[in-house]
């Protein structure tokens, strides 16, 4: 390695384990979100088929569909909040590393 290479921060096994647990929890939430989106698409398709077939609109189905759409909106809002929190956590970690390196 040459002198221009950035200093690698040392990490403990516990810190690495905590990071992996955190990443796994994010993945689980995202898979659950994808499942909700798939269910919403299915509900939209079912309503479209009923309407296209000349059947009457099922009010309970429409209400369920609207609630699903509202749920997706809440998930999007939570994603924005989560991104802001992650960004702040990264900035704090960067400052902590800088303080540790510079004393």
Protein backbone atom coordinates (compact mmCIF):
# COMPACT_ATOMS: atom_id res chain seq x y z
CA UNK A 1 0.00 0.00 0.00
CA UNK A 2 1.17 3.51 -0.69
CA UNK A 3 0.99 6.51 1.57
CA UNK A 4 -2.04 7.99 -0.19
CA UNK A 5 -4.32 5.11 0.77
CA UNK A 6 -7.03 6.11 3.24
CA UNK A 7 -6.72 4.80 6.77
CA UNK A 8 -8.99 1.80 7.33
CA UNK A 9 -11.01 1.97 10.48
CA UNK A 10 -10.83 -1.03 12.72
CA UNK A 11 -14.06 -2.76 13.60
CA UNK A 12 -14.81 -5.29 16.29
CA UNK A 13 -16.74 -8.51 15.80
CA UNK A 14 -19.59 -7.09 17.85
CA UNK A 15 -19.81 -3.98 15.66
CA UNK A 16 -19.76 -6.09 12.50
CA UNK A 17 -22.44 -8.36 13.93
CA UNK A 18 -24.59 -5.35 14.81
CA UNK A 19 -24.21 -3.96 11.28
CA UNK A 20 -25.17 -7.29 9.73
CA UNK A 21 -28.22 -7.56 12.00
CA UNK A 22 -29.25 -4.05 11.01
CA UNK A 23 -28.81 -4.78 7.29
CA UNK A 24 -30.82 -8.01 7.64
CA UNK A 25 -33.66 -6.13 9.36
CA UNK A 26 -33.74 -3.59 6.52
CA UNK A 27 -33.86 -6.43 3.97
CA UNK A 28 -36.78 -8.07 5.82
CA UNK A 29 -38.71 -4.78 5.81
CA UNK A 30 -38.06 -4.29 2.11
CA UNK A 31 -39.22 -7.83 1.27
CA UNK A 32 -42.39 -7.20 3.28
CA UNK A 33 -42.89 -3.97 1.34
CA UNK A 34 -42.47 -5.84 -1.95
CA UNK A 35 -45.05 -8.39 -0.78
CA UNK A 36 -47.51 -5.55 -0.04
CA UNK A 37 -46.87 -4.06 -3.47
CA UNK A 38 -47.50 -7.45 -5.12
CA UNK A 39 -50.76 -7.80 -3.21
CA UNK A 40 -51.81 -4.30 -4.27
CA UNK A 41 -51.09 -5.10 -7.93
CA UNK A 42 -53.12 -8.28 -7.60
CA UNK A 43 -56.06 -6.37 -6.11
CA UNK A 44 -55.93 -3.76 -8.90
CA UNK A 45 -55.84 -6.49 -11.54
CA UNK A 46 -58.79 -8.31 -9.97
CA UNK A 47 -60.88 -5.12 -9.89
CA UNK A 48 -59.93 -4.33 -13.50
CA UNK A 49 -61.00 -7.80 -14.63
CA UNK A 50 -64.34 -7.47 -12.84
CA UNK A 51 -64.98 -4.07 -14.42
CA UNK A 52 -63.84 -5.23 -17.89
CA UNK A 53 -66.13 -8.26 -17.67
CA UNK A 54 -69.06 -5.92 -17.16
CA UNK A 55 -69.55 -6.92 -13.56
CA UNK A 56 -70.43 -4.53 -10.83
CA UNK A 57 -67.74 -2.95 -8.72
CA UNK A 58 -67.30 -4.59 -5.36
CA UNK A 59 -67.38 -1.76 -2.77
CA UNK A 60 -65.45 -3.84 -0.24
CA UNK A 61 -62.80 -4.52 -2.89
CA UNK A 62 -62.51 -0.82 -3.74
CA UNK A 63 -62.19 0.09 -0.07
CA UNK A 64 -59.54 -2.59 0.37
CA UNK A 65 -57.73 -1.29 -2.71
CA UNK A 66 -57.77 2.29 -1.43
CA UNK A 67 -56.47 1.20 1.95
CA UNK A 68 -53.67 -0.67 0.19
CA UNK A 69 -52.73 2.42 -1.78
CA UNK A 70 -52.68 4.48 1.42
CA UNK A 71 -50.45 1.82 3.00
CA UNK A 72 -47.98 2.07 0.12
CA UNK A 73 -47.93 5.86 0.59
CA UNK A 74 -47.09 5.36 4.26
CA UNK A 75 -44.28 2.97 3.32
CA UNK A 76 -42.84 5.54 0.91
CA UNK A 77 -42.97 8.19 3.64
CA UNK A 78 -41.24 5.82 6.07
CA UNK A 79 -38.54 5.13 3.47
CA UNK A 80 -37.83 8.85 3.17
CA UNK A 81 -37.58 9.16 6.95
CA UNK A 82 -35.36 6.08 7.15
CA UNK A 83 -33.04 7.48 4.47
CA UNK A 84 -32.69 10.72 6.42
CA UNK A 85 -31.93 8.81 9.63
CA UNK A 86 -29.34 6.62 7.88
CA UNK A 87 -27.69 9.70 6.35
CA UNK A 88 -27.47 11.35 9.77
CA UNK A 89 -26.07 8.16 11.32
CA UNK A 90 -23.42 7.97 8.59
CA UNK A 91 -22.46 11.59 9.16
CA UNK A 92 -22.14 10.96 12.90
CA UNK A 93 -20.04 7.85 12.27
CA UNK A 94 -17.82 9.82 9.90
CA UNK A 95 -17.33 12.54 12.51
CA UNK A 96 -16.55 9.95 15.18
CA UNK A 97 -13.94 8.32 12.92
CA UNK A 98 -12.44 11.72 12.15
CA UNK A 99 -12.22 12.54 15.85
CA UNK A 100 -10.67 9.14 16.60
CA UNK A 101 -8.07 9.53 13.84
CA UNK A 102 -7.19 13.14 14.64
CA UNK A 103 -7.30 12.64 18.38
